Amino acid sequence: MRPARTLAWTVLLLLVPGCGGKPAARVLGGPPARYLVTLDELASPDFTVADPPRAEDAAALARGDASVQRSLRVDGLRSAATTTFSRQADLATSDGPLEVIVTVELFGAAAGAQDAYSRDILGRDASPGEVPVSTGPLGDSGHADSLRATAPGGIEAVEITVEWRLANAVNVVVVRGRYGGARLSDALLLTRGVDANERPPS
């Protein structure tokens, strides 16, 4: 009787949903704008919405680069959204970011999102002046780069880009401001809002 019971148990495991197999990979859906941070989530109260959330397609994300546009489509880009916040302050004495740009890109599957994320990081790391910076644990994959430039008047400015993948979403936070005034910690603080929006309620 043992072989018969073993066979019956095996059949039961195959019939019961979720038993004996890997859990289905989580896929984020809905409009990507729902995952963006809002004005209320910014640390400084003097920010304003410079560019309200808007949809972006592969052409907009590629910024005119036809090869990037094709790659995004191959990777299964479904939709994307971006928003920009800014505040008025003297660059020379400013503390904290003067401009914040947040983008969320949704792909059909995590594999496509990972391909797009990896391509972005390789390209940014190879760009002149970009300095890779560790983010610590962030989503399923995370990375940051810092780019310094001299603004008019000789003031040192910085652009810090944090990009990370969570499931099938690729997220990008860019902060700009005075070098020493805008910091990686400012960008990482904003990633928490996006990350929280994309994770299921506990």
C-alpha atoms as a PDB file:
ATOM      1  CA  MET A   1       0.000   0.000   0.000  1.00  0.00           C
ATOM      2  CA  ARG A   2       2.919   2.383   0.513  1.00  0.00           C
ATOM      3  CA  PRO A   3       3.512   3.014  -3.241  1.00  0.00           C
ATOM      4  CA  ALA A   4      -0.187   3.794  -3.728  1.00  0.00           C
ATOM      5  CA  ARG A   5      -0.267   6.289  -0.845  1.00  0.00           C
ATOM      6  CA  THR A   6       2.938   7.950  -2.134  1.00  0.00           C
ATOM      7  CA  LEU A   7       1.440   8.349  -5.579  1.00  0.00           C
ATOM      8  CA  ALA A   8      -1.765   9.793  -4.154  1.00  0.00           C
ATOM      9  CA  TRP A   9       0.224  12.304  -2.068  1.00  0.00           C
ATOM     10  CA  THR A  10       2.250  13.354  -5.104  1.00  0.00           C
ATOM     11  CA  VAL A  11      -0.913  13.925  -7.112  1.00  0.00           C
ATOM     12  CA  LEU A  12      -2.391  15.973  -4.268  1.00  0.00           C
ATOM     13  CA  LEU A  13       0.703  18.198  -4.116  1.00  0.00           C
ATOM     14  CA  LEU A  14       0.436  18.858  -7.825  1.00  0.00           C
ATOM     15  CA  LEU A  15      -3.243  19.748  -7.572  1.00  0.00           C
ATOM     16  CA  VAL A  16      -3.077  22.076  -4.564  1.00  0.00           C
ATOM     17  CA  PRO A  17      -2.155  25.639  -5.741  1.00  0.00           C
ATOM     18  CA  GLY A  18       1.227  26.816  -4.487  1.00  0.00           C
ATOM     19  CA  CYS A  19       2.346  23.497  -3.054  1.00  0.00           C
ATOM     20  CA  GLY A  20       5.677  22.085  -4.102  1.00  0.00           C
ATOM     21  CA  GLY A  21       6.603  25.056  -6.295  1.00  0.00           C
ATOM     22  CA  LYS A  22       8.187  28.470  -6.162  1.00  0.00           C
ATOM     23  CA  PRO A  23       5.928  31.434  -5.322  1.00  0.00           C
ATOM     24  CA  ALA A  24       4.979  33.565  -8.298  1.00  0.00           C
ATOM     25  CA  ALA A  25       7.228  36.562  -8.845  1.00  0.00           C
ATOM     26  CA  ARG A  26       5.587  39.813  -7.780  1.00  0.00           C
ATOM     27  CA  VAL A  27       4.706  42.181 -10.610  1.00  0.00           C
ATOM     28  CA  LEU A  28       3.880  45.831  -9.954  1.00  0.00           C
ATOM     29  CA  GLY A  29       0.981  47.110 -11.997  1.00  0.00           C
ATOM     30  CA  GLY A  30      -1.264  50.115 -12.409  1.00  0.00           C
ATOM     31  CA  PRO A  31      -0.142  53.606 -13.406  1.00  0.00           C
ATOM     32  CA  PRO A  32       3.512  54.187 -12.465  1.00  0.00           C
ATOM     33  CA  ALA A  33       2.666  57.676 -11.165  1.00  0.00           C
ATOM     34  CA  ARG A  34       1.093  56.048  -8.110  1.00  0.00           C
ATOM     35  CA  TYR A  35       4.586  55.024  -6.915  1.00  0.00           C
ATOM     36  CA  LEU A  36       6.187  58.467  -7.211  1.00  0.00           C
ATOM     37  CA  VAL A  37       6.866  60.539  -4.111  1.00  0.00           C
ATOM     38  CA  THR A  38       4.644  63.548  -3.477  1.00  0.00           C
ATOM     39  CA  LEU A  39       5.451  67.091  -2.418  1.00  0.00           C
ATOM     40  CA  ASP A  40       4.525  66.257   1.187  1.00  0.00           C
ATOM     41  CA  GLU A  41       7.165  63.524   1.284  1.00  0.00           C
ATOM     42  CA  LEU A  42      10.063  65.918   0.651  1.00  0.00           C
ATOM     43  CA  ALA A  43      12.125  66.809   3.709  1.00  0.00           C
ATOM     44  CA  SER A  44      12.225  70.556   3.033  1.00  0.00           C
ATOM     45  CA  PRO A  45       8.931  72.518   3.147  1.00  0.00           C
ATOM     46  CA  ASP A  46       9.969  75.105   0.554  1.00  0.00           C
ATOM     47  CA  PHE A  47       9.868  72.811  -2.490  1.00  0.00           C
ATOM     48  CA  THR A  48       7.288  73.337  -5.204  1.00  0.00           C
ATOM     49  CA  VAL A  49       6.148  71.065  -8.028  1.00  0.00           C
ATOM     50  CA  ALA A  50       8.129  72.231 -11.039  1.00  0.00           C
ATOM     51  CA  ASP A  51       6.814  69.469 -13.308  1.00  0.00           C
ATOM     52  CA  PRO A  52       3.706  67.477 -12.265  1.00  0.00           C
ATOM     53  CA  PRO A  53       3.708  63.694 -12.766  1.00  0.00           C
ATOM     54  CA  ARG A  54       3.567  62.881 -16.438  1.00  0.00           C
ATOM     55  CA  ALA A  55       3.685  59.703 -18.496  1.00  0.00           C
ATOM     56  CA  GLU A  56       6.850  58.915 -20.436  1.00  0.00           C
ATOM     57  CA  ASP A  57       7.313  56.370 -23.206  1.00  0.00           C
ATOM     58  CA  ALA A  58      10.456  54.685 -24.491  1.00  0.00           C
ATOM     59  CA  ALA A  59      11.262  57.612 -26.784  1.00  0.00           C
ATOM     60  CA  ALA A  60      11.100  60.124 -23.928  1.00  0.00           C
ATOM     61  CA  LEU A  61      13.188  57.971 -21.601  1.00  0.00           C
ATOM     62  CA  ALA A  62      15.800  57.389 -24.310  1.00  0.00           C
ATOM     63  CA  ARG A  63      16.261  61.150 -24.787  1.00  0.00           C
ATOM     64  CA  GLY A  64      16.693  60.778 -28.526  1.00  0.00           C
ATOM     65  CA  ASP A  65      18.966  57.706 -28.437  1.00  0.00           C
ATOM     66  CA  ALA A  66      17.415  55.236 -30.891  1.00  0.00           C
ATOM     67  CA  SER A  67      19.414  52.260 -29.613  1.00  0.00           C
ATOM     68  CA  VAL A  68      18.297  52.878 -26.012  1.00  0.00           C
ATOM     69  CA  GLN A  69      14.724  53.244 -27.203  1.00  0.00           C
ATOM     70  CA  ARG A  70      14.895  49.868 -28.978  1.00  0.00           C
ATOM     71  CA  SER A  71      16.454  48.238 -25.927  1.00  0.00           C
ATOM     72  CA  LEU A  72      13.695  49.522 -23.653  1.00  0.00           C
ATOM     73  CA  ARG A  73      11.088  48.031 -25.945  1.00  0.00           C
ATOM     74  CA  VAL A  74      12.940  44.710 -26.098  1.00  0.00           C
ATOM     75  CA  ASP A  75      13.166  44.726 -22.302  1.00  0.00           C
ATOM     76  CA  GLY A  76       9.376  45.006 -22.153  1.00  0.00           C
ATOM     77  CA  LEU A  77       8.853  48.577 -20.959  1.00  0.00           C
ATOM     78  CA  ARG A  78       5.134  48.968 -20.278  1.00  0.00           C
ATOM     79  CA  SER A  79       4.869  52.456 -18.853  1.00  0.00           C
ATOM     80  CA  ALA A  80       6.786  55.138 -16.983  1.00  0.00           C
ATOM     81  CA  ALA A  81       6.170  58.372 -15.102  1.00  0.00           C
ATOM     82  CA  THR A  82       8.336  61.206 -13.832  1.00  0.00           C
ATOM     83  CA  THR A  83       7.961  64.330 -11.714  1.00  0.00           C
ATOM     84  CA  THR A  84      10.242  67.241 -10.774  1.00  0.00           C
ATOM     85  CA  PHE A  85      10.413  69.378  -7.628  1.00  0.00           C
ATOM     86  CA  SER A  86      12.482  72.516  -7.114  1.00  0.00           C
ATOM     87  CA  ARG A  87      13.089  75.294  -4.605  1.00  0.00           C
ATOM     88  CA  GLN A  88      14.549  78.779  -4.815  1.00  0.00           C
ATOM     89  CA  ALA A  89      17.795  79.346  -2.916  1.00  0.00           C
ATOM     90  CA  ASP A  90      21.235  80.857  -3.430  1.00  0.00           C
ATOM     91  CA  LEU A  91      23.381  78.058  -4.877  1.00  0.00           C
ATOM     92  CA  ALA A  92      26.497  79.394  -3.149  1.00  0.00           C
ATOM     93  CA  THR A  93      25.011  78.990   0.335  1.00  0.00           C
ATOM     94  CA  SER A  94      22.299  76.405  -0.239  1.00  0.00           C
ATOM     95  CA  ASP A  95      21.945  73.340   1.946  1.00  0.00           C
ATOM     96  CA  GLY A  96      20.138  70.327   0.540  1.00  0.00           C
ATOM     97  CA  PRO A  97      18.969  69.749  -3.036  1.00  0.00           C
ATOM     98  CA  LEU A  98      17.631  72.550  -5.197  1.00  0.00           C
ATOM     99  CA  GLU A  99      16.082  70.169  -7.718  1.00  0.00           C
ATOM    100  CA  VAL A 100      14.699  66.650  -7.356  1.00  0.00           C
ATOM    101  CA  ILE A 101      13.624  64.397 -10.241  1.00  0.00           C
ATOM    102  CA  VAL A 102      11.879  61.082  -9.585  1.00  0.00           C
ATOM    103  CA  THR A 103      11.123  58.491 -12.287  1.00  0.00           C
ATOM    104  CA  VAL A 104       9.447  55.084 -12.124  1.00  0.00           C
ATOM    105  CA  GLU A 105       9.585  52.659 -15.062  1.00  0.00           C
ATOM    106  CA  LEU A 106       7.454  49.508 -15.122  1.00  0.00           C
ATOM    107  CA  PHE A 107       8.443  46.480 -17.205  1.00  0.00           C
ATOM    108  CA  GLY A 108       6.554  43.332 -18.046  1.00  0.00           C
ATOM    109  CA  ALA A 109       8.816  41.200 -15.854  1.00  0.00           C
ATOM    110  CA  ALA A 110      11.694  41.518 -13.397  1.00  0.00           C
ATOM    111  CA  ALA A 111      14.174  40.119 -15.955  1.00  0.00           C
ATOM    112  CA  GLY A 112      13.507  42.960 -18.383  1.00  0.00           C
ATOM    113  CA  ALA A 113      13.741  45.510 -15.583  1.00  0.00           C
ATOM    114  CA  GLN A 114      17.089  44.060 -14.504  1.00  0.00           C
ATOM    115  CA  ASP A 115      18.440  44.263 -18.063  1.00  0.00           C
ATOM    116  CA  ALA A 116      17.397  47.921 -18.321  1.00  0.00           C
ATOM    117  CA  TYR A 117      18.827  48.714 -14.879  1.00  0.00           C
ATOM    118  CA  SER A 118      22.163  47.019 -15.639  1.00  0.00           C
ATOM    119  CA  ARG A 119      22.481  48.843 -18.952  1.00  0.00           C
ATOM    120  CA  ASP A 120      21.803  52.193 -17.274  1.00  0.00           C
ATOM    121  CA  ILE A 121      24.427  51.583 -14.595  1.00  0.00           C
ATOM    122  CA  LEU A 122      27.095  50.450 -17.055  1.00  0.00           C
ATOM    123  CA  GLY A 123      26.470  53.493 -19.230  1.00  0.00           C
ATOM    124  CA  ARG A 124      26.471  55.969 -16.371  1.00  0.00           C
ATOM    125  CA  ASP A 125      29.595  54.515 -14.741  1.00  0.00           C
ATOM    126  CA  ALA A 126      31.399  54.821 -18.067  1.00  0.00           C
ATOM    127  CA  SER A 127      30.431  58.478 -18.561  1.00  0.00           C
ATOM    128  CA  PRO A 128      33.207  61.035 -18.000  1.00  0.00           C
ATOM    129  CA  GLY A 129      33.155  62.533 -14.516  1.00  0.00           C
ATOM    130  CA  GLU A 130      30.671  60.067 -13.047  1.00  0.00           C
ATOM    131  CA  VAL A 131      31.844  58.601  -9.735  1.00  0.00           C
ATOM    132  CA  PRO A 132      30.149  55.370  -8.566  1.00  0.00           C
ATOM    133  CA  VAL A 133      28.857  55.526  -4.992  1.00  0.00           C
ATOM    134  CA  SER A 134      27.555  52.692  -2.817  1.00  0.00           C
ATOM    135  CA  THR A 135      23.932  52.933  -1.736  1.00  0.00           C
ATOM    136  CA  GLY A 136      24.016  49.983   0.648  1.00  0.00           C
ATOM    137  CA  PRO A 137      21.108  47.521   0.378  1.00  0.00           C
ATOM    138  CA  LEU A 138      18.419  49.039  -1.815  1.00  0.00           C
ATOM    139  CA  GLY A 139      15.572  47.112  -3.446  1.00  0.00           C
ATOM    140  CA  ASP A 140      16.668  44.064  -5.411  1.00  0.00           C
ATOM    141  CA  SER A 141      19.594  45.972  -6.980  1.00  0.00           C
ATOM    142  CA  GLY A 142      20.822  49.491  -6.216  1.00  0.00           C
ATOM    143  CA  HIS A 143      23.543  51.882  -7.341  1.00  0.00           C
ATOM    144  CA  ALA A 144      24.417  55.588  -7.267  1.00  0.00           C
ATOM    145  CA  ASP A 145      26.667  57.971  -9.184  1.00  0.00           C
ATOM    146  CA  SER A 146      27.891  61.475  -8.400  1.00  0.00           C
ATOM    147  CA  LEU A 147      28.777  64.060 -11.039  1.00  0.00           C
ATOM    148  CA  ARG A 148      30.427  67.373 -10.194  1.00  0.00           C
ATOM    149  CA  ALA A 149      30.391  70.479 -12.380  1.00  0.00           C
ATOM    150  CA  THR A 150      31.369  74.130 -12.114  1.00  0.00           C
ATOM    151  CA  ALA A 151      28.387  76.466 -12.248  1.00  0.00           C
ATOM    152  CA  PRO A 152      28.596  80.105 -13.416  1.00  0.00           C
ATOM    153  CA  GLY A 153      30.537  82.092 -10.871  1.00  0.00           C
ATOM    154  CA  GLY A 154      32.851  79.194 -10.124  1.00  0.00           C
ATOM    155  CA  ILE A 155      30.522  77.475  -7.646  1.00  0.00           C
ATOM    156  CA  GLU A 156      30.858  73.687  -7.506  1.00  0.00           C
ATOM    157  CA  ALA A 157      27.570  71.926  -8.197  1.00  0.00           C
ATOM    158  CA  VAL A 158      26.713  68.234  -7.972  1.00  0.00           C
ATOM    159  CA  GLU A 159      24.187  65.852  -9.491  1.00  0.00           C
ATOM    160  CA  ILE A 160      23.603  62.605  -7.601  1.00  0.00           C
ATOM    161  CA  THR A 161      21.677  59.813  -9.317  1.00  0.00           C
ATOM    162  CA  VAL A 162      20.355  56.817  -7.391  1.00  0.00           C
ATOM    163  CA  GLU A 163      18.867  53.988  -9.444  1.00  0.00           C
ATOM    164  CA  TRP A 164      17.440  50.753  -8.137  1.00  0.00           C
ATOM    165  CA  ARG A 165      15.232  47.878  -9.179  1.00  0.00           C
ATOM    166  CA  LEU A 166      12.394  46.422  -7.144  1.00  0.00           C
ATOM    167  CA  ALA A 167      10.577  43.516  -8.810  1.00  0.00           C
ATOM    168  CA  ASN A 168       9.667  44.735 -12.324  1.00  0.00           C
ATOM    169  CA  ALA A 169      10.158  48.451 -11.511  1.00  0.00           C
ATOM    170  CA  VAL A 170      13.252  50.530 -12.250  1.00  0.00           C
ATOM    171  CA  ASN A 171      13.352  53.673 -10.122  1.00  0.00           C
ATOM    172  CA  VAL A 172      15.570  56.733 -10.489  1.00  0.00           C
ATOM    173  CA  VAL A 173      16.021  59.632  -8.070  1.00  0.00           C
ATOM    174  CA  VAL A 174      18.180  62.585  -9.121  1.00  0.00           C
ATOM    175  CA  VAL A 175      19.127  65.401  -6.751  1.00  0.00           C
ATOM    176  CA  ARG A 176      20.991  68.545  -7.835  1.00  0.00           C
ATOM    177  CA  GLY A 177      22.483  71.361  -5.839  1.00  0.00           C
ATOM    178  CA  ARG A 178      25.669  72.801  -4.375  1.00  0.00           C
ATOM    179  CA  TYR A 179      28.534  70.370  -3.925  1.00  0.00           C
ATOM    180  CA  GLY A 180      28.543  69.635  -0.207  1.00  0.00           C
ATOM    181  CA  GLY A 181      24.983  70.930   0.114  1.00  0.00           C
ATOM    182  CA  ALA A 182      23.143  68.230  -1.836  1.00  0.00           C
ATOM    183  CA  ARG A 183      24.172  64.808  -0.560  1.00  0.00           C
ATOM    184  CA  LEU A 184      23.652  61.134  -1.258  1.00  0.00           C
ATOM    185  CA  SER A 185      21.673  60.927   1.984  1.00  0.00           C
ATOM    186  CA  ASP A 186      19.131  63.377   0.519  1.00  0.00           C
ATOM    187  CA  ALA A 187      18.543  61.074  -2.441  1.00  0.00           C
ATOM    188  CA  LEU A 188      18.415  57.943  -0.288  1.00  0.00           C
ATOM    189  CA  LEU A 189      15.761  59.559   1.894  1.00  0.00           C
ATOM    190  CA  LEU A 190      13.574  59.974  -1.174  1.00  0.00           C
ATOM    191  CA  THR A 191      14.106  56.368  -2.271  1.00  0.00           C
ATOM    192  CA  ARG A 192      12.350  55.247   0.904  1.00  0.00           C
ATOM    193  CA  GLY A 193       9.118  56.900  -0.201  1.00  0.00           C
ATOM    194  CA  VAL A 194       9.140  55.212  -3.608  1.00  0.00           C
ATOM    195  CA  ASP A 195      10.225  51.892  -2.104  1.00  0.00           C
ATOM    196  CA  ALA A 196       7.410  52.027   0.466  1.00  0.00           C
ATOM    197  CA  ASN A 197       4.850  52.783  -2.261  1.00  0.00           C
ATOM    198  CA  GLU A 198       5.984  49.752  -4.258  1.00  0.00           C
ATOM    199  CA  ARG A 199       6.012  47.219  -1.417  1.00  0.00           C
ATOM    200  CA  PRO A 200       2.848  45.406  -0.330  1.00  0.00           C
ATOM    201  CA  PRO A 201       1.306  46.504   2.969  1.00  0.00           C
ATOM    202  CA  SER A 202       2.653  44.505   5.914  1.00  0.00           C
END
